[in-house]
Protein backbone atom coordinates (compact mmCIF):
# COMPACT_ATOMS: atom_id res chain seq x y z
CA ILE A 1 6.16 -9.16 20.91
CA GLY A 2 7.21 -7.10 23.88
CA ARG A 3 9.22 -4.73 21.70
CA THR A 4 8.35 -1.04 21.91
CA TYR A 5 8.08 1.00 18.73
CA ARG A 6 8.12 4.76 18.37
CA LEU A 7 5.54 6.21 16.01
CA ARG A 8 5.60 9.83 14.83
CA PHE A 9 2.67 11.32 12.97
CA ILE A 10 3.01 14.66 11.19
CA ASN A 11 0.24 16.43 9.34
CA ILE A 12 2.19 18.39 6.73
CA SER A 13 -0.85 19.43 4.71
CA PRO A 14 -1.63 23.16 4.75
CA GLY A 15 -5.19 22.54 5.87
CA GLY A 16 -7.54 19.79 6.83
CA THR A 17 -7.62 17.38 9.70
CA LYS A 18 -6.35 13.79 9.67
CA PHE A 19 -7.57 11.05 11.97
CA VAL A 20 -5.13 8.23 12.69
CA ARG A 21 -5.82 5.05 14.61
CA LEU A 22 -4.26 1.64 15.13
CA VAL A 23 -6.82 -1.16 15.22
CA GLY A 24 -6.90 -4.93 15.47
CA ALA A 25 -8.77 -7.42 13.33
CA THR A 26 -12.02 -6.88 15.24
CA ASP A 27 -11.81 -3.10 14.67
CA ARG A 28 -10.86 -2.72 18.33
CA GLU A 29 -8.33 0.03 18.96
CA ALA A 30 -4.92 -0.89 20.29
CA GLN A 31 -3.29 1.07 23.12
CA TRP A 32 -0.33 3.43 22.84
CA ARG A 33 1.37 6.03 25.01
CA LEU A 34 1.48 9.65 23.88
CA PHE A 35 4.81 11.09 25.04
CA ALA A 36 5.51 14.17 22.88
CA LYS A 37 3.65 16.84 20.93
CA ASP A 38 5.18 19.21 18.40
CA GLY A 39 8.70 18.07 19.35
CA ALA A 40 8.35 18.65 23.09
CA ASN A 41 8.11 15.86 25.65
CA LEU A 42 4.91 15.89 27.67
CA PRO A 43 4.90 16.07 31.48
CA PRO A 44 4.41 12.64 33.11
CA HIS A 45 0.75 13.25 34.00
CA GLN A 46 -0.03 13.78 30.28
CA ALA A 47 2.20 10.99 28.90
CA THR A 48 -0.37 8.28 29.45
CA VAL A 49 -1.48 5.05 27.81
CA ARG A 50 -4.68 5.55 25.86
CA ALA A 51 -6.71 4.23 22.95
CA ALA A 52 -4.61 4.31 19.78
CA GLN A 53 -6.30 7.21 18.02
CA VAL A 54 -5.35 10.81 17.38
CA ARG A 55 -6.73 13.83 15.54
CA LEU A 56 -4.03 15.77 13.70
CA GLY A 57 -4.57 19.40 12.81
CA ALA A 58 -2.49 21.13 10.12
CA GLY A 59 1.17 21.30 11.17
CA GLU A 60 0.78 19.14 14.28
CA THR A 61 3.21 16.39 15.28
CA TYR A 62 2.55 13.62 17.80
CA ASP A 63 4.92 10.95 19.13
CA PHE A 64 3.62 7.67 20.52
CA GLU A 65 5.12 4.49 21.94
CA PHE A 66 3.43 1.25 20.99
CA THR A 67 4.34 -2.05 22.65
CA ALA A 68 3.14 -5.14 20.83
CA THR A 69 1.61 -7.64 23.24
CA THR A 70 0.44 -10.20 20.65
CA ASP A 71 1.20 -11.08 17.06
CA THR A 72 -2.37 -10.25 16.01
CA PRO A 73 -2.45 -8.36 12.68
CA LEU A 74 -3.11 -4.64 13.05
CA VAL A 75 -4.18 -1.91 10.66
CA LEU A 76 -2.98 1.70 10.70
CA GLU A 77 -5.93 3.72 9.49
CA VAL A 78 -5.54 7.31 8.24
CA ARG A 79 -8.77 9.13 7.49
CA THR A 80 -9.25 12.50 5.80
CA ALA A 81 -12.43 14.30 4.78
CA THR A 82 -12.40 12.53 1.41
CA ARG A 83 -10.82 9.11 1.90
CA THR A 84 -9.52 6.44 4.24
CA MET A 85 -6.20 4.65 3.82
CA LYS A 86 -5.52 1.37 5.60
CA VAL A 87 -1.98 0.05 6.01
CA PRO A 88 -1.39 -3.45 7.40
CA VAL A 89 0.96 -3.70 10.40
CA ASN A 90 2.46 -7.11 11.13
CA VAL A 91 4.13 -7.80 14.47
CA ARG A 92 6.25 -10.92 14.45
CA ARG A 93 7.97 -12.90 17.15
């Protein structure tokens, strides 16, 4: 708790959109800070804390910082047009 993690999402598929979000047990989205897109740092006015969700087009890369504030279990959800994958994320003290 209190540790900041860097998360990089890359859509390497030749087509199709991916939706990624980080949610808590109540399906409430966590918060993260977008700080880079496609390998380039964003200007300060764009590098803001926001709901932990992103839409990834083909070939796009996004970098986020996530700071855990509680040890509540989280789920990283990746959704495509045909399926949804859910990966548990455990933050420990």
